[in-house]
PDB file of all heavy atoms in Angstrom:
ATOM      1  N   LEU A   1     -13.212  -1.286  55.652  1.00  0.00           N
ATOM      2  CA  LEU A   1     -12.080  -2.164  55.409  1.00  0.00           C
ATOM      3  C   LEU A   1     -10.808  -1.603  56.077  1.00  0.00           C
ATOM      4  O   LEU A   1     -10.029  -2.348  56.670  1.00  0.00           O
ATOM      5  CB  LEU A   1     -11.847  -2.286  53.902  1.00  0.00           C
ATOM      6  CG  LEU A   1     -10.764  -3.302  53.441  1.00  0.00           C
ATOM      7  CD1 LEU A   1     -11.135  -4.709  53.852  1.00  0.00           C
ATOM      8  CD2 LEU A   1     -10.591  -3.201  51.930  1.00  0.00           C
ATOM      9  N   LEU A   2     -10.588  -0.273  55.990  1.00  0.00           N
ATOM     10  CA  LEU A   2      -9.449   0.341  56.652  1.00  0.00           C
ATOM     11  C   LEU A   2      -9.542   0.089  58.149  1.00  0.00           C
ATOM     12  O   LEU A   2      -8.522  -0.245  58.805  1.00  0.00           O
ATOM     13  CB  LEU A   2      -9.426   1.827  56.374  1.00  0.00           C
ATOM     14  CG  LEU A   2      -9.053   2.276  54.960  1.00  0.00           C
ATOM     15  CD1 LEU A   2      -9.185   3.806  54.829  1.00  0.00           C
ATOM     16  CD2 LEU A   2      -7.683   1.796  54.558  1.00  0.00           C
ATOM     17  N   ARG A   3     -10.684   0.281  58.747  1.00  0.00           N
ATOM     18  CA  ARG A   3     -10.823   0.071  60.198  1.00  0.00           C
ATOM     19  C   ARG A   3     -10.628  -1.388  60.564  1.00  0.00           C
ATOM     20  O   ARG A   3     -10.034  -1.716  61.608  1.00  0.00           O
ATOM     21  CB  ARG A   3     -12.215   0.548  60.662  1.00  0.00           C
ATOM     22  CG  ARG A   3     -12.387   2.080  60.578  1.00  0.00           C
ATOM     23  CD  ARG A   3     -13.758   2.484  61.113  1.00  0.00           C
ATOM     24  NE  ARG A   3     -14.008   3.897  60.958  1.00  0.00           N
ATOM     25  CZ  ARG A   3     -13.603   4.878  61.781  1.00  0.00           C
ATOM     26  NH1 ARG A   3     -12.874   4.530  62.860  1.00  0.00           N
ATOM     27  NH2 ARG A   3     -13.907   6.133  61.555  1.00  0.00           N
ATOM     28  N   ALA A   4     -11.066  -2.292  59.697  1.00  0.00           N
ATOM     29  CA  ALA A   4     -10.880  -3.734  59.982  1.00  0.00           C
ATOM     30  C   ALA A   4      -9.393  -4.091  59.930  1.00  0.00           C
ATOM     31  O   ALA A   4      -8.911  -4.916  60.734  1.00  0.00           O
ATOM     32  CB  ALA A   4     -11.652  -4.563  58.961  1.00  0.00           C
ATOM     33  N   CYS A   5      -8.648  -3.459  59.033  1.00  0.00           N
ATOM     34  CA  CYS A   5      -7.195  -3.686  59.003  1.00  0.00           C
ATOM     35  C   CYS A   5      -6.533  -3.252  60.290  1.00  0.00           C
ATOM     36  O   CYS A   5      -5.526  -3.792  60.711  1.00  0.00           O
ATOM     37  CB  CYS A   5      -6.579  -2.925  57.811  1.00  0.00           C
ATOM     38  SG  CYS A   5      -6.871  -3.666  56.206  1.00  0.00           S
ATOM     39  N   GLY A   6      -7.141  -2.246  60.937  1.00  0.00           N
ATOM     40  CA  GLY A   6      -6.610  -1.779  62.231  1.00  0.00           C
ATOM     41  C   GLY A   6      -6.736  -2.784  63.335  1.00  0.00           C
ATOM     42  O   GLY A   6      -6.098  -2.637  64.387  1.00  0.00           O
ATOM     43  N   GLN A   7      -7.585  -3.794  63.138  1.00  0.00           N
ATOM     44  CA  GLN A   7      -7.788  -4.813  64.164  1.00  0.00           C
ATOM     45  C   GLN A   7      -6.844  -6.001  64.007  1.00  0.00           C
ATOM     46  O   GLN A   7      -6.886  -6.926  64.819  1.00  0.00           O
ATOM     47  CB  GLN A   7      -9.268  -5.292  64.113  1.00  0.00           C
ATOM     48  CG  GLN A   7     -10.286  -4.195  64.310  1.00  0.00           C
ATOM     49  CD  GLN A   7     -10.124  -3.480  65.638  1.00  0.00           C
ATOM     50  OE1 GLN A   7     -10.023  -4.137  66.673  1.00  0.00           O
ATOM     51  NE2 GLN A   7     -10.097  -2.179  65.610  1.00  0.00           N
ATOM     52  N   ILE A   8      -6.049  -6.017  62.945  1.00  0.00           N
ATOM     53  CA  ILE A   8      -5.189  -7.178  62.679  1.00  0.00           C
ATOM     54  C   ILE A   8      -3.876  -7.000  63.449  1.00  0.00           C
ATOM     55  O   ILE A   8      -3.058  -6.142  63.168  1.00  0.00           O
ATOM     56  CB  ILE A   8      -4.905  -7.306  61.151  1.00  0.00           C
ATOM     57  CG1 ILE A   8      -6.226  -7.551  60.423  1.00  0.00           C
ATOM     58  CG2 ILE A   8      -3.916  -8.415  60.900  1.00  0.00           C
ATOM     59  CD1 ILE A   8      -6.110  -7.627  58.929  1.00  0.00           C
ATOM     60  N   GLU A   9      -3.688  -7.888  64.424  1.00  0.00           N
ATOM     61  CA  GLU A   9      -2.509  -7.801  65.260  1.00  0.00           C
ATOM     62  C   GLU A   9      -1.228  -8.125  64.468  1.00  0.00           C
ATOM     63  O   GLU A   9      -1.199  -9.072  63.680  1.00  0.00           O
ATOM     64  CB  GLU A   9      -2.640  -8.794  66.425  1.00  0.00           C
ATOM     65  CG  GLU A   9      -1.538  -8.690  67.461  1.00  0.00           C
ATOM     66  CD  GLU A   9      -1.758  -9.589  68.673  1.00  0.00           C
ATOM     67  OE1 GLU A   9      -2.863 -10.179  68.773  1.00  0.00           O
ATOM     68  OE2 GLU A   9      -0.837  -9.697  69.479  1.00  0.00           O
ATOM     69  N   GLY A  10      -0.230  -7.247  64.634  1.00  0.00           N
ATOM     70  CA  GLY A  10       1.031  -7.440  63.935  1.00  0.00           C
ATOM     71  C   GLY A  10       1.138  -6.661  62.667  1.00  0.00           C
ATOM     72  O   GLY A  10       2.223  -6.560  62.090  1.00  0.00           O
ATOM     73  N   LEU A  11       0.043  -6.093  62.193  1.00  0.00           N
ATOM     74  CA  LEU A  11       0.061  -5.275  60.989  1.00  0.00           C
ATOM     75  C   LEU A  11       0.372  -3.824  61.409  1.00  0.00           C
ATOM     76  O   LEU A  11      -0.435  -3.193  62.060  1.00  0.00           O
ATOM     77  CB  LEU A  11      -1.281  -5.355  60.253  1.00  0.00           C
ATOM     78  CG  LEU A  11      -1.404  -4.521  58.971  1.00  0.00           C
ATOM     79  CD1 LEU A  11      -0.346  -4.894  57.970  1.00  0.00           C
ATOM     80  CD2 LEU A  11      -2.814  -4.654  58.382  1.00  0.00           C
ATOM     81  N   GLU A  12       1.559  -3.345  61.038  1.00  0.00           N
ATOM     82  CA  GLU A  12       2.020  -2.053  61.544  1.00  0.00           C
ATOM     83  C   GLU A  12       1.674  -0.858  60.651  1.00  0.00           C
ATOM     84  O   GLU A  12       1.517   0.269  61.112  1.00  0.00           O
ATOM     85  CB  GLU A  12       3.512  -2.093  61.808  1.00  0.00           C
ATOM     86  CG  GLU A  12       3.923  -3.127  62.841  1.00  0.00           C
ATOM     87  CD  GLU A  12       5.361  -2.986  63.277  1.00  0.00           C
ATOM     88  OE1 GLU A  12       5.969  -1.946  62.996  1.00  0.00           O
ATOM     89  OE2 GLU A  12       5.903  -3.930  63.874  1.00  0.00           O
ATOM     90  N   ARG A  13       1.625  -1.083  59.310  1.00  0.00           N
ATOM     91  CA  ARG A  13       1.415   0.030  58.401  1.00  0.00           C
ATOM     92  C   ARG A  13       0.452  -0.399  57.279  1.00  0.00           C
ATOM     93  O   ARG A  13       0.652  -1.420  56.628  1.00  0.00           O
ATOM     94  CB  ARG A  13       2.748   0.481  57.770  1.00  0.00           C
ATOM     95  CG  ARG A  13       3.737   1.021  58.778  1.00  0.00           C
ATOM     96  CD  ARG A  13       4.995   1.571  58.108  1.00  0.00           C
ATOM     97  NE  ARG A  13       5.890   2.185  59.078  1.00  0.00           N
ATOM     98  CZ  ARG A  13       6.981   2.907  58.788  1.00  0.00           C
ATOM     99  NH1 ARG A  13       7.299   3.061  57.498  1.00  0.00           N
ATOM    100  NH2 ARG A  13       7.739   3.413  59.724  1.00  0.00           N
ATOM    101  N   VAL A  14      -0.555   0.433  57.094  1.00  0.00           N
ATOM    102  CA  VAL A  14      -1.539   0.225  56.052  1.00  0.00           C
ATOM    103  C   VAL A  14      -1.539   1.454  55.117  1.00  0.00           C
ATOM    104  O   VAL A  14      -1.653   2.581  55.606  1.00  0.00           O
ATOM    105  CB  VAL A  14      -2.962  -0.018  56.598  1.00  0.00           C
ATOM    106  CG1 VAL A  14      -3.952  -0.221  55.462  1.00  0.00           C
ATOM    107  CG2 VAL A  14      -2.952  -1.236  57.529  1.00  0.00           C
ATOM    108  N   ARG A  15      -1.408   1.230  53.829  1.00  0.00           N
ATOM    109  CA  ARG A  15      -1.498   2.309  52.856  1.00  0.00           C
ATOM    110  C   ARG A  15      -2.525   1.891  51.790  1.00  0.00           C
ATOM    111  O   ARG A  15      -2.971   0.753  51.757  1.00  0.00           O
ATOM    112  CB  ARG A  15      -0.144   2.550  52.207  1.00  0.00           C
ATOM    113  CG  ARG A  15       1.013   2.787  53.169  1.00  0.00           C
ATOM    114  CD  ARG A  15       2.308   3.165  52.450  1.00  0.00           C
ATOM    115  NE  ARG A  15       3.450   3.158  53.335  1.00  0.00           N
ATOM    116  CZ  ARG A  15       3.809   4.127  54.125  1.00  0.00           C
ATOM    117  NH1 ARG A  15       3.078   5.236  54.160  1.00  0.00           N
ATOM    118  NH2 ARG A  15       4.854   4.041  54.885  1.00  0.00           N
ATOM    119  N   PHE A  16      -2.852   2.824  50.885  1.00  0.00           N
ATOM    120  CA  PHE A  16      -3.737   2.465  49.780  1.00  0.00           C
ATOM    121  C   PHE A  16      -3.442   3.392  48.601  1.00  0.00           C
ATOM    122  O   PHE A  16      -3.006   4.525  48.778  1.00  0.00           O
ATOM    123  CB  PHE A  16      -5.223   2.544  50.169  1.00  0.00           C
ATOM    124  CG  PHE A  16      -5.675   3.902  50.684  1.00  0.00           C
ATOM    125  CD1 PHE A  16      -6.142   4.876  49.819  1.00  0.00           C
ATOM    126  CD2 PHE A  16      -5.651   4.158  52.057  1.00  0.00           C
ATOM    127  CE1 PHE A  16      -6.578   6.094  50.322  1.00  0.00           C
ATOM    128  CE2 PHE A  16      -6.058   5.387  52.548  1.00  0.00           C
ATOM    129  CZ  PHE A  16      -6.533   6.372  51.680  1.00  0.00           C
ATOM    130  N   THR A  17      -3.665   2.865  47.415  1.00  0.00           N
ATOM    131  CA  THR A  17      -3.475   3.671  46.194  1.00  0.00           C
ATOM    132  C   THR A  17      -4.243   3.012  45.079  1.00  0.00           C
ATOM    133  O   THR A  17      -4.362   1.799  45.022  1.00  0.00           O
ATOM    134  CB  THR A  17      -1.976   3.767  45.867  1.00  0.00           C
ATOM    135  OG1 THR A  17      -1.763   4.821  44.922  1.00  0.00           O
ATOM    136  CG2 THR A  17      -1.395   2.482  45.337  1.00  0.00           C
ATOM    137  N   SER A  18      -4.830   3.821  44.127  1.00  0.00           N
ATOM    138  CA  SER A  18      -4.924   5.273  44.184  1.00  0.00           C
ATOM    139  C   SER A  18      -6.375   5.624  44.302  1.00  0.00           C
ATOM    140  O   SER A  18      -7.210   4.986  43.624  1.00  0.00           O
ATOM    141  CB  SER A  18      -4.398   5.895  42.887  1.00  0.00           C
ATOM    142  OG  SER A  18      -3.004   5.784  42.787  1.00  0.00           O
ATOM    143  N   PRO A  19      -6.718   6.621  45.090  1.00  0.00           N
ATOM    144  CA  PRO A  19      -8.138   7.030  45.225  1.00  0.00           C
ATOM    145  C   PRO A  19      -8.506   8.008  44.110  1.00  0.00           C
ATOM    146  O   PRO A  19      -7.663   8.479  43.359  1.00  0.00           O
ATOM    147  CB  PRO A  19      -8.142   7.697  46.603  1.00  0.00           C
ATOM    148  CG  PRO A  19      -6.781   8.284  46.708  1.00  0.00           C
ATOM    149  CD  PRO A  19      -5.858   7.315  46.029  1.00  0.00           C
ATOM    150  N   HIS A  20      -9.786   8.310  44.026  1.00  0.00           N
ATOM    151  CA  HIS A  20     -10.318   9.290  43.090  1.00  0.00           C
ATOM    152  C   HIS A  20     -11.053  10.365  43.910  1.00  0.00           C
ATOM    153  O   HIS A  20     -11.825  10.024  44.814  1.00  0.00           O
ATOM    154  CB  HIS A  20     -11.273   8.610  42.106  1.00  0.00           C
ATOM    155  CG  HIS A  20     -11.696   9.459  40.943  1.00  0.00           C
ATOM    156  ND1 HIS A  20     -12.486  10.589  41.095  1.00  0.00           N
ATOM    157  CD2 HIS A  20     -11.452   9.343  39.614  1.00  0.00           C
ATOM    158  CE1 HIS A  20     -12.692  11.122  39.888  1.00  0.00           C
ATOM    159  NE2 HIS A  20     -12.078  10.400  38.979  1.00  0.00           N
ATOM    160  N   PRO A  21     -10.821  11.645  43.619  1.00  0.00           N
ATOM    161  CA  PRO A  21     -11.479  12.687  44.435  1.00  0.00           C
ATOM    162  C   PRO A  21     -12.989  12.549  44.455  1.00  0.00           C
ATOM    163  O   PRO A  21     -13.629  12.900  45.483  1.00  0.00           O
ATOM    164  CB  PRO A  21     -11.034  13.972  43.710  1.00  0.00           C
ATOM    165  CG  PRO A  21      -9.725  13.626  43.119  1.00  0.00           C
ATOM    166  CD  PRO A  21      -9.843  12.204  42.677  1.00  0.00           C
ATOM    167  N   ARG A  22     -13.586  12.084  43.384  1.00  0.00           N
ATOM    168  CA  ARG A  22     -15.050  11.943  43.326  1.00  0.00           C
ATOM    169  C   ARG A  22     -15.565  11.071  44.451  1.00  0.00           C
ATOM    170  O   ARG A  22     -16.621  11.330  45.033  1.00  0.00           O
ATOM    171  CB  ARG A  22     -15.486  11.364  41.980  1.00  0.00           C
ATOM    172  CG  ARG A  22     -17.015  11.229  41.826  1.00  0.00           C
ATOM    173  CD  ARG A  22     -17.357  10.311  40.650  1.00  0.00           C
ATOM    174  NE  ARG A  22     -16.884   8.946  40.906  1.00  0.00           N
ATOM    175  CZ  ARG A  22     -16.883   8.000  39.981  1.00  0.00           C
ATOM    176  NH1 ARG A  22     -17.239   8.259  38.733  1.00  0.00           N
ATOM    177  NH2 ARG A  22     -16.465   6.777  40.284  1.00  0.00           N
ATOM    178  N   ASP A  23     -14.857   9.984  44.737  1.00  0.00           N
ATOM    179  CA  ASP A  23     -15.328   8.995  45.680  1.00  0.00           C
ATOM    180  C   ASP A  23     -14.712   9.156  47.091  1.00  0.00           C
ATOM    181  O   ASP A  23     -14.941   8.292  47.950  1.00  0.00           O
ATOM    182  CB  ASP A  23     -15.004   7.590  45.169  1.00  0.00           C
ATOM    183  CG  ASP A  23     -15.610   7.342  43.815  1.00  0.00           C
ATOM    184  OD1 ASP A  23     -16.855   7.431  43.694  1.00  0.00           O
ATOM    185  OD2 ASP A  23     -14.868   7.056  42.863  1.00  0.00           O
ATOM    186  N   PHE A  24     -13.925  10.207  47.281  1.00  0.00           N
ATOM    187  CA  PHE A  24     -13.227  10.342  48.552  1.00  0.00           C
ATOM    188  C   PHE A  24     -14.114  11.039  49.567  1.00  0.00           C
ATOM    189  O   PHE A  24     -14.372  12.232  49.515  1.00  0.00           O
ATOM    190  CB  PHE A  24     -11.922  11.134  48.388  1.00  0.00           C
ATOM    191  CG  PHE A  24     -10.927  10.851  49.446  1.00  0.00           C
ATOM    192  CD1 PHE A  24     -10.144   9.717  49.393  1.00  0.00           C
ATOM    193  CD2 PHE A  24     -10.749  11.718  50.504  1.00  0.00           C
ATOM    194  CE1 PHE A  24      -9.234   9.412  50.403  1.00  0.00           C
ATOM    195  CE2 PHE A  24      -9.827  11.468  51.510  1.00  0.00           C
ATOM    196  CZ  PHE A  24      -9.070  10.306  51.463  1.00  0.00           C
TER     197      PHE A  24
END
């Protein structure tokens, strides 16, 4: 999903919250 967001033209900044260390 993160990589797919990288393909969206005009989208300059992508962030996410909150992760869990177990699944990172």
